[in-house]
Amino acid sequence: VITSKEVDGRRLGDLAHEEGARGVFVVRVLRSGTPV
């Protein structure tokens, strides 16, 4: 569950290049129960 202020409103592509994203992949995003 996304709760971080630093992540809120950020592009997924930008987050992928940050430290700690290496080796982690996003397979789905749900918003209000609906896939985005």
PDB file of all heavy atoms in Angstrom:
ATOM      1  N   VAL A   1       0.858  -1.188   0.000  1.00  0.00           N
ATOM      2  CA  VAL A   1       0.000   0.000   0.000  1.00  0.00           C
ATOM      3  C   VAL A   1       0.893   1.236   0.000  1.00  0.00           C
ATOM      4  O   VAL A   1       1.743   1.391   0.875  1.00  0.00           O
ATOM      5  CB  VAL A   1      -0.925   0.019   1.235  1.00  0.00           C
ATOM      6  CG1 VAL A   1      -1.820   1.269   1.204  1.00  0.00           C
ATOM      7  CG2 VAL A   1      -1.788  -1.232   1.277  1.00  0.00           C
ATOM      8  N   ILE A   2       0.713   2.116  -0.990  1.00  0.00           N
ATOM      9  CA  ILE A   2       1.519   3.328  -1.081  1.00  0.00           C
ATOM     10  C   ILE A   2       1.083   4.307   0.012  1.00  0.00           C
ATOM     11  O   ILE A   2      -0.075   4.725   0.067  1.00  0.00           O
ATOM     12  CB  ILE A   2       1.369   4.004  -2.455  1.00  0.00           C
ATOM     13  CG1 ILE A   2       1.765   3.036  -3.568  1.00  0.00           C
ATOM     14  CG2 ILE A   2       2.206   5.276  -2.525  1.00  0.00           C
ATOM     15  CD1 ILE A   2       3.199   2.612  -3.531  1.00  0.00           C
ATOM     16  N   THR A   3       2.018   4.663   0.894  1.00  0.00           N
ATOM     17  CA  THR A   3       1.723   5.621   1.957  1.00  0.00           C
ATOM     18  C   THR A   3       2.754   6.749   2.024  1.00  0.00           C
ATOM     19  O   THR A   3       2.530   7.749   2.691  1.00  0.00           O
ATOM     20  CB  THR A   3       1.695   4.921   3.327  1.00  0.00           C
ATOM     21  OG1 THR A   3       2.989   4.351   3.596  1.00  0.00           O
ATOM     22  CG2 THR A   3       0.643   3.827   3.374  1.00  0.00           C
ATOM     23  N   SER A   4       3.865   6.604   1.344  1.00  0.00           N
ATOM     24  CA  SER A   4       4.971   7.557   1.446  1.00  0.00           C
ATOM     25  C   SER A   4       4.650   8.882   0.753  1.00  0.00           C
ATOM     26  O   SER A   4       4.180   8.900  -0.391  1.00  0.00           O
ATOM     27  CB  SER A   4       6.232   6.943   0.824  1.00  0.00           C
ATOM     28  OG  SER A   4       7.252   7.903   0.700  1.00  0.00           O
ATOM     29  N   LYS A   5       4.939   9.986   1.424  1.00  0.00           N
ATOM     30  CA  LYS A   5       4.787  11.313   0.827  1.00  0.00           C
ATOM     31  C   LYS A   5       5.723  11.479  -0.363  1.00  0.00           C
ATOM     32  O   LYS A   5       5.392  12.139  -1.349  1.00  0.00           O
ATOM     33  CB  LYS A   5       5.092  12.394   1.859  1.00  0.00           C
ATOM     34  CG  LYS A   5       4.022  12.604   2.915  1.00  0.00           C
ATOM     35  CD  LYS A   5       4.423  13.754   3.814  1.00  0.00           C
ATOM     36  CE  LYS A   5       3.367  13.995   4.888  1.00  0.00           C
ATOM     37  NZ  LYS A   5       3.749  15.125   5.774  1.00  0.00           N
ATOM     38  N   GLU A   6       6.928  10.906  -0.256  1.00  0.00           N
ATOM     39  CA  GLU A   6       7.925  11.053  -1.309  1.00  0.00           C
ATOM     40  C   GLU A   6       7.522  10.332  -2.587  1.00  0.00           C
ATOM     41  O   GLU A   6       7.946  10.702  -3.682  1.00  0.00           O
ATOM     42  CB  GLU A   6       9.283  10.514  -0.838  1.00  0.00           C
ATOM     43  CG  GLU A   6       9.982  11.369   0.214  1.00  0.00           C
ATOM     44  CD  GLU A   6       9.288  11.306   1.569  1.00  0.00           C
ATOM     45  OE1 GLU A   6       8.618  10.295   1.834  1.00  0.00           O
ATOM     46  OE2 GLU A   6       9.411  12.278   2.342  1.00  0.00           O
ATOM     47  N   VAL A   7       6.702   9.301  -2.464  1.00  0.00           N
ATOM     48  CA  VAL A   7       6.281   8.520  -3.624  1.00  0.00           C
ATOM     49  C   VAL A   7       4.976   9.055  -4.216  1.00  0.00           C
ATOM     50  O   VAL A   7       4.747   8.982  -5.419  1.00  0.00           O
ATOM     51  CB  VAL A   7       6.113   7.032  -3.225  1.00  0.00           C
ATOM     52  CG1 VAL A   7       5.513   6.217  -4.364  1.00  0.00           C
ATOM     53  CG2 VAL A   7       7.462   6.457  -2.812  1.00  0.00           C
ATOM     54  N   ASP A   8       4.143   9.635  -3.384  1.00  0.00           N
ATOM     55  CA  ASP A   8       2.838  10.134  -3.819  1.00  0.00           C
ATOM     56  C   ASP A   8       2.998  11.139  -4.964  1.00  0.00           C
ATOM     57  O   ASP A   8       3.695  12.135  -4.850  1.00  0.00           O
ATOM     58  CB  ASP A   8       2.134  10.810  -2.636  1.00  0.00           C
ATOM     59  CG  ASP A   8       0.719  11.239  -2.973  1.00  0.00           C
ATOM     60  OD1 ASP A   8       0.072  10.571  -3.802  1.00  0.00           O
ATOM     61  OD2 ASP A   8       0.257  12.250  -2.407  1.00  0.00           O
ATOM     62  N   GLY A   9       2.340  10.839  -6.100  1.00  0.00           N
ATOM     63  CA  GLY A   9       2.386  11.738  -7.246  1.00  0.00           C
ATOM     64  C   GLY A   9       3.586  11.543  -8.153  1.00  0.00           C
ATOM     65  O   GLY A   9       3.747  12.281  -9.137  1.00  0.00           O
ATOM     66  N   ARG A  10       4.435  10.548  -7.884  1.00  0.00           N
ATOM     67  CA  ARG A  10       5.643  10.312  -8.698  1.00  0.00           C
ATOM     68  C   ARG A  10       5.340   9.333  -9.833  1.00  0.00           C
ATOM     69  O   ARG A  10       4.497   8.459  -9.737  1.00  0.00           O
ATOM     70  CB  ARG A  10       6.755   9.737  -7.816  1.00  0.00           C
ATOM     71  CG  ARG A  10       7.233  10.659  -6.703  1.00  0.00           C
ATOM     72  CD  ARG A  10       8.199  11.693  -7.217  1.00  0.00           C
ATOM     73  NE  ARG A  10       9.339  11.101  -7.912  1.00  0.00           N
ATOM     74  CZ  ARG A  10      10.401  10.569  -7.283  1.00  0.00           C
ATOM     75  NH1 ARG A  10      10.455  10.557  -5.957  1.00  0.00           N
ATOM     76  NH2 ARG A  10      11.400  10.073  -7.988  1.00  0.00           N
ATOM     77  N   ARG A  11       6.126   9.486 -10.932  1.00  0.00           N
ATOM     78  CA  ARG A  11       6.025   8.568 -12.066  1.00  0.00           C
ATOM     79  C   ARG A  11       6.700   7.241 -11.729  1.00  0.00           C
ATOM     80  O   ARG A  11       7.755   7.216 -11.086  1.00  0.00           O
ATOM     81  CB  ARG A  11       6.682   9.169 -13.305  1.00  0.00           C
ATOM     82  CG  ARG A  11       5.989  10.370 -13.887  1.00  0.00           C
ATOM     83  CD  ARG A  11       6.833  11.022 -14.973  1.00  0.00           C
ATOM     84  NE  ARG A  11       7.141  10.122 -16.081  1.00  0.00           N
ATOM     85  CZ  ARG A  11       8.310   9.536 -16.281  1.00  0.00           C
ATOM     86  NH1 ARG A  11       9.315   9.723 -15.422  1.00  0.00           N
ATOM     87  NH2 ARG A  11       8.507   8.741 -17.309  1.00  0.00           N
ATOM     88  N   LEU A  12       6.103   6.169 -12.198  1.00  0.00           N
ATOM     89  CA  LEU A  12       6.668   4.842 -11.963  1.00  0.00           C
ATOM     90  C   LEU A  12       8.040   4.721 -12.615  1.00  0.00           C
ATOM     91  O   LEU A  12       8.963   4.129 -12.050  1.00  0.00           O
ATOM     92  CB  LEU A  12       5.714   3.782 -12.520  1.00  0.00           C
ATOM     93  CG  LEU A  12       5.913   2.336 -12.070  1.00  0.00           C
ATOM     94  CD1 LEU A  12       5.839   2.232 -10.560  1.00  0.00           C
ATOM     95  CD2 LEU A  12       4.859   1.442 -12.714  1.00  0.00           C
ATOM     96  N   GLY A  13       8.191   5.317 -13.808  1.00  0.00           N
ATOM     97  CA  GLY A  13       9.463   5.248 -14.511  1.00  0.00           C
ATOM     98  C   GLY A  13      10.582   5.945 -13.756  1.00  0.00           C
ATOM     99  O   GLY A  13      11.732   5.495 -13.771  1.00  0.00           O
ATOM    100  N   ASP A  14      10.268   7.067 -13.094  1.00  0.00           N
ATOM    101  CA  ASP A  14      11.286   7.777 -12.319  1.00  0.00           C
ATOM    102  C   ASP A  14      11.704   6.960 -11.100  1.00  0.00           C
ATOM    103  O   ASP A  14      12.888   6.895 -10.754  1.00  0.00           O
ATOM    104  CB  ASP A  14      10.752   9.140 -11.869  1.00  0.00           C
ATOM    105  CG  ASP A  14      10.542  10.092 -13.035  1.00  0.00           C
ATOM    106  OD1 ASP A  14      11.182   9.874 -14.081  1.00  0.00           O
ATOM    107  OD2 ASP A  14       9.726  11.018 -12.904  1.00  0.00           O
ATOM    108  N   LEU A  15      10.730   6.339 -10.456  1.00  0.00           N
ATOM    109  CA  LEU A  15      11.031   5.546  -9.258  1.00  0.00           C
ATOM    110  C   LEU A  15      11.892   4.332  -9.605  1.00  0.00           C
ATOM    111  O   LEU A  15      12.664   3.860  -8.773  1.00  0.00           O
ATOM    112  CB  LEU A  15       9.727   5.089  -8.597  1.00  0.00           C
ATOM    113  CG  LEU A  15       8.858   6.205  -7.996  1.00  0.00           C
ATOM    114  CD1 LEU A  15       7.513   5.645  -7.569  1.00  0.00           C
ATOM    115  CD2 LEU A  15       9.568   6.836  -6.804  1.00  0.00           C
ATOM    116  N   ALA A  16      11.753   3.831 -10.836  1.00  0.00           N
ATOM    117  CA  ALA A  16      12.492   2.628 -11.234  1.00  0.00           C
ATOM    118  C   ALA A  16      13.992   2.858 -11.260  1.00  0.00           C
ATOM    119  O   ALA A  16      14.773   1.906 -11.170  1.00  0.00           O
ATOM    120  CB  ALA A  16      12.013   2.165 -12.608  1.00  0.00           C
ATOM    121  N   HIS A  17      14.422   4.109 -11.355  1.00  0.00           N
ATOM    122  CA  HIS A  17      15.858   4.405 -11.442  1.00  0.00           C
ATOM    123  C   HIS A  17      16.446   4.827 -10.105  1.00  0.00           C
ATOM    124  O   HIS A  17      17.638   5.142 -10.033  1.00  0.00           O
ATOM    125  CB  HIS A  17      16.095   5.510 -12.478  1.00  0.00           C
ATOM    126  CG  HIS A  17      15.663   5.134 -13.865  1.00  0.00           C
ATOM    127  ND1 HIS A  17      16.268   4.132 -14.589  1.00  0.00           N
ATOM    128  CD2 HIS A  17      14.656   5.603 -14.641  1.00  0.00           C
ATOM    129  CE1 HIS A  17      15.676   4.015 -15.760  1.00  0.00           C
ATOM    130  NE2 HIS A  17      14.696   4.891 -15.818  1.00  0.00           N
ATOM    131  N   GLU A  18      15.636   4.824  -9.072  1.00  0.00           N
ATOM    132  CA  GLU A  18      16.141   5.236  -7.773  1.00  0.00           C
ATOM    133  C   GLU A  18      16.808   4.072  -7.039  1.00  0.00           C
ATOM    134  O   GLU A  18      16.569   2.901  -7.340  1.00  0.00           O
ATOM    135  CB  GLU A  18      15.009   5.812  -6.917  1.00  0.00           C
ATOM    136  CG  GLU A  18      14.496   7.148  -7.435  1.00  0.00           C
ATOM    137  CD  GLU A  18      13.651   7.870  -6.410  1.00  0.00           C
ATOM    138  OE1 GLU A  18      13.365   7.273  -5.352  1.00  0.00           O
ATOM    139  OE2 GLU A  18      13.279   9.030  -6.674  1.00  0.00           O
ATOM    140  N   GLU A  19      17.631   4.422  -6.070  1.00  0.00           N
ATOM    141  CA  GLU A  19      18.306   3.401  -5.260  1.00  0.00           C
ATOM    142  C   GLU A  19      17.261   2.554  -4.529  1.00  0.00           C
ATOM    143  O   GLU A  19      16.301   3.074  -3.971  1.00  0.00           O
ATOM    144  CB  GLU A  19      19.226   4.083  -4.243  1.00  0.00           C
ATOM    145  CG  GLU A  19      20.037   3.107  -3.414  1.00  0.00           C
ATOM    146  CD  GLU A  19      20.915   3.816  -2.395  1.00  0.00           C
ATOM    147  OE1 GLU A  19      20.935   5.068  -2.396  1.00  0.00           O
ATOM    148  OE2 GLU A  19      21.550   3.112  -1.602  1.00  0.00           O
ATOM    149  N   GLY A  20      17.444   1.282  -4.564  1.00  0.00           N
ATOM    150  CA  GLY A  20      16.503   0.383  -3.905  1.00  0.00           C
ATOM    151  C   GLY A  20      15.509  -0.240  -4.857  1.00  0.00           C
ATOM    152  O   GLY A  20      14.798  -1.183  -4.491  1.00  0.00           O
ATOM    153  N   ALA A  21      15.436   0.269  -6.116  1.00  0.00           N
ATOM    154  CA  ALA A  21      14.491  -0.294  -7.081  1.00  0.00           C
ATOM    155  C   ALA A  21      15.107  -1.436  -7.884  1.00  0.00           C
ATOM    156  O   ALA A  21      14.393  -2.154  -8.584  1.00  0.00           O
ATOM    157  CB  ALA A  21      14.014   0.797  -8.037  1.00  0.00           C
ATOM    158  N   ARG A  22      16.420  -1.615  -7.795  1.00  0.00           N
ATOM    159  CA  ARG A  22      17.094  -2.648  -8.568  1.00  0.00           C
ATOM    160  C   ARG A  22      16.573  -4.030  -8.183  1.00  0.00           C
ATOM    161  O   ARG A  22      16.542  -4.401  -7.018  1.00  0.00           O
ATOM    162  CB  ARG A  22      18.603  -2.574  -8.319  1.00  0.00           C
ATOM    163  CG  ARG A  22      19.424  -3.535  -9.154  1.00  0.00           C
ATOM    164  CD  ARG A  22      20.917  -3.325  -8.939  1.00  0.00           C
ATOM    165  NE  ARG A  22      21.678  -4.254  -9.747  1.00  0.00           N
ATOM    166  CZ  ARG A  22      22.009  -5.480  -9.342  1.00  0.00           C
ATOM    167  NH1 ARG A  22      21.645  -5.882  -8.135  1.00  0.00           N
ATOM    168  NH2 ARG A  22      22.700  -6.278 -10.137  1.00  0.00           N
ATOM    169  N   GLY A  23      16.173  -4.786  -9.202  1.00  0.00           N
ATOM    170  CA  GLY A  23      15.695  -6.147  -8.972  1.00  0.00           C
ATOM    171  C   GLY A  23      14.249  -6.230  -8.537  1.00  0.00           C
ATOM    172  O   GLY A  23      13.775  -7.308  -8.191  1.00  0.00           O
ATOM    173  N   VAL A  24      13.544  -5.100  -8.553  1.00  0.00           N
ATOM    174  CA  VAL A  24      12.129  -5.095  -8.150  1.00  0.00           C
ATOM    175  C   VAL A  24      11.285  -4.683  -9.354  1.00  0.00           C
ATOM    176  O   VAL A  24      11.581  -3.684 -10.018  1.00  0.00           O
ATOM    177  CB  VAL A  24      11.878  -4.109  -6.989  1.00  0.00           C
ATOM    178  CG1 VAL A  24      10.418  -4.127  -6.589  1.00  0.00           C
ATOM    179  CG2 VAL A  24      12.760  -4.461  -5.803  1.00  0.00           C
ATOM    180  N   PHE A  25      10.229  -5.440  -9.614  1.00  0.00           N
ATOM    181  CA  PHE A  25       9.385  -5.177 -10.773  1.00  0.00           C
ATOM    182  C   PHE A  25       7.926  -5.006 -10.327  1.00  0.00           C
ATOM    183  O   PHE A  25       7.455  -5.707  -9.429  1.00  0.00           O
ATOM    184  CB  PHE A  25       9.484  -6.317 -11.780  1.00  0.00           C
ATOM    185  CG  PHE A  25      10.887  -6.579 -12.238  1.00  0.00           C
ATOM    186  CD1 PHE A  25      11.683  -7.514 -11.592  1.00  0.00           C
ATOM    187  CD2 PHE A  25      11.424  -5.882 -13.304  1.00  0.00           C
ATOM    188  CE1 PHE A  25      12.989  -7.764 -11.998  1.00  0.00           C
ATOM    189  CE2 PHE A  25      12.727  -6.116 -13.720  1.00  0.00           C
ATOM    190  CZ  PHE A  25      13.512  -7.055 -13.070  1.00  0.00           C
ATOM    191  N   VAL A  26       7.228  -4.081 -10.956  1.00  0.00           N
ATOM    192  CA  VAL A  26       5.810  -3.836 -10.667  1.00  0.00           C
ATOM    193  C   VAL A  26       4.979  -4.589 -11.693  1.00  0.00           C
ATOM    194  O   VAL A  26       5.152  -4.403 -12.908  1.00  0.00           O
ATOM    195  CB  VAL A  26       5.479  -2.332 -10.732  1.00  0.00           C
ATOM    196  CG1 VAL A  26       3.992  -2.096 -10.520  1.00  0.00           C
ATOM    197  CG2 VAL A  26       6.286  -1.566  -9.694  1.00  0.00           C
ATOM    198  N   VAL A  27       4.083  -5.434 -11.227  1.00  0.00           N
ATOM    199  CA  VAL A  27       3.254  -6.219 -12.146  1.00  0.00           C
ATOM    200  C   VAL A  27       1.815  -5.729 -12.194  1.00  0.00           C
ATOM    201  O   VAL A  27       1.076  -6.054 -13.129  1.00  0.00           O
ATOM    202  CB  VAL A  27       3.269  -7.717 -11.756  1.00  0.00           C
ATOM    203  CG1 VAL A  27       4.664  -8.277 -11.887  1.00  0.00           C
ATOM    204  CG2 VAL A  27       2.744  -7.931 -10.340  1.00  0.00           C
ATOM    205  N   ARG A  28       1.398  -4.929 -11.196  1.00  0.00           N
ATOM    206  CA  ARG A  28       0.012  -4.442 -11.219  1.00  0.00           C
ATOM    207  C   ARG A  28      -0.131  -3.275 -10.249  1.00  0.00           C
ATOM    208  O   ARG A  28       0.551  -3.217  -9.222  1.00  0.00           O
ATOM    209  CB  ARG A  28      -0.971  -5.553 -10.827  1.00  0.00           C
ATOM    210  CG  ARG A  28      -2.442  -5.159 -10.948  1.00  0.00           C
ATOM    211  CD  ARG A  28      -3.347  -6.329 -10.621  1.00  0.00           C
ATOM    212  NE  ARG A  28      -3.202  -6.744  -9.223  1.00  0.00           N
ATOM    213  CZ  ARG A  28      -3.967  -7.659  -8.626  1.00  0.00           C
ATOM    214  NH1 ARG A  28      -4.898  -8.286  -9.318  1.00  0.00           N
ATOM    215  NH2 ARG A  28      -3.778  -7.965  -7.360  1.00  0.00           N
ATOM    216  N   VAL A  29      -0.990  -2.337 -10.608  1.00  0.00           N
ATOM    217  CA  VAL A  29      -1.352  -1.242  -9.717  1.00  0.00           C
ATOM    218  C   VAL A  29      -2.865  -1.205  -9.605  1.00  0.00           C
ATOM    219  O   VAL A  29      -3.566  -1.133 -10.617  1.00  0.00           O
ATOM    220  CB  VAL A  29      -0.838   0.122 -10.242  1.00  0.00           C
ATOM    221  CG1 VAL A  29      -1.294   1.250  -9.319  1.00  0.00           C
ATOM    222  CG2 VAL A  29       0.677   0.124 -10.366  1.00  0.00           C
ATOM    223  N   LEU A  30      -3.372  -1.294  -8.367  1.00  0.00           N
ATOM    224  CA  LEU A  30      -4.812  -1.217  -8.120  1.00  0.00           C
ATOM    225  C   LEU A  30      -5.140   0.126  -7.485  1.00  0.00           C
ATOM    226  O   LEU A  30      -4.478   0.555  -6.546  1.00  0.00           O
ATOM    227  CB  LEU A  30      -5.268  -2.340  -7.187  1.00  0.00           C
ATOM    228  CG  LEU A  30      -5.311  -3.752  -7.746  1.00  0.00           C
ATOM    229  CD1 LEU A  30      -5.772  -4.721  -6.664  1.00  0.00           C
ATOM    230  CD2 LEU A  30      -6.222  -3.855  -8.949  1.00  0.00           C
ATOM    231  N   ARG A  31      -6.175   0.770  -7.990  1.00  0.00           N
ATOM    232  CA  ARG A  31      -6.632   2.056  -7.441  1.00  0.00           C
ATOM    233  C   ARG A  31      -8.131   1.943  -7.174  1.00  0.00           C
ATOM    234  O   ARG A  31      -8.910   1.732  -8.087  1.00  0.00           O
ATOM    235  CB  ARG A  31      -6.326   3.185  -8.424  1.00  0.00           C
ATOM    236  CG  ARG A  31      -6.681   4.579  -7.942  1.00  0.00           C
ATOM    237  CD  ARG A  31      -6.026   5.600  -8.858  1.00  0.00           C
ATOM    238  NE  ARG A  31      -4.566   5.505  -8.784  1.00  0.00           N
ATOM    239  CZ  ARG A  31      -3.755   5.942  -9.748  1.00  0.00           C
ATOM    240  NH1 ARG A  31      -4.234   6.492 -10.842  1.00  0.00           N
ATOM    241  NH2 ARG A  31      -2.437   5.813  -9.601  1.00  0.00           N
ATOM    242  N   SER A  32      -8.513   2.034  -5.901  1.00  0.00           N
ATOM    243  CA  SER A  32      -9.913   1.849  -5.502  1.00  0.00           C
ATOM    244  C   SER A  32     -10.433   0.504  -5.986  1.00  0.00           C
ATOM    245  O   SER A  32     -11.581   0.357  -6.383  1.00  0.00           O
ATOM    246  CB  SER A  32     -10.796   2.967  -6.044  1.00  0.00           C
ATOM    247  OG  SER A  32     -10.410   4.224  -5.530  1.00  0.00           O
ATOM    248  N   GLY A  33      -9.542  -0.499  -5.991  1.00  0.00           N
ATOM    249  CA  GLY A  33      -9.928  -1.845  -6.384  1.00  0.00           C
ATOM    250  C   GLY A  33      -9.918  -2.092  -7.877  1.00  0.00           C
ATOM    251  O   GLY A  33     -10.184  -3.210  -8.318  1.00  0.00           O
ATOM    252  N   THR A  34      -9.600  -1.076  -8.698  1.00  0.00           N
ATOM    253  CA  THR A  34      -9.621  -1.200 -10.156  1.00  0.00           C
ATOM    254  C   THR A  34      -8.200  -1.156 -10.697  1.00  0.00           C
ATOM    255  O   THR A  34      -7.430  -0.258 -10.342  1.00  0.00           O
ATOM    256  CB  THR A  34     -10.440  -0.060 -10.789  1.00  0.00           C
ATOM    257  OG1 THR A  34     -11.763  -0.077 -10.257  1.00  0.00           O
ATOM    258  CG2 THR A  34     -10.502  -0.209 -12.302  1.00  0.00           C
ATOM    259  N   PRO A  35      -7.809  -2.099 -11.593  1.00  0.00           N
ATOM    260  CA  PRO A  35      -6.466  -2.065 -12.173  1.00  0.00           C
ATOM    261  C   PRO A  35      -6.255  -0.798 -12.996  1.00  0.00           C
ATOM    262  O   PRO A  35      -7.136  -0.356 -13.723  1.00  0.00           O
ATOM    263  CB  PRO A  35      -6.438  -3.318 -13.066  1.00  0.00           C
ATOM    264  CG  PRO A  35      -7.509  -4.205 -12.536  1.00  0.00           C
ATOM    265  CD  PRO A  35      -8.573  -3.291 -12.023  1.00  0.00           C
ATOM    266  N   VAL A  36      -5.074  -0.208 -12.863  1.00  0.00           N
ATOM    267  CA  VAL A  36      -4.695   0.988 -13.613  1.00  0.00           C
ATOM    268  C   VAL A  36      -3.688   0.590 -14.682  1.00  0.00           C
ATOM    269  O   VAL A  36      -2.856  -0.287 -14.460  1.00  0.00           O
ATOM    270  CB  VAL A  36      -4.081   2.044 -12.673  1.00  0.00           C
ATOM    271  CG1 VAL A  36      -3.605   3.264 -13.451  1.00  0.00           C
ATOM    272  CG2 VAL A  36      -5.097   2.461 -11.622  1.00  0.00           C
TER     273      VAL A  36
END
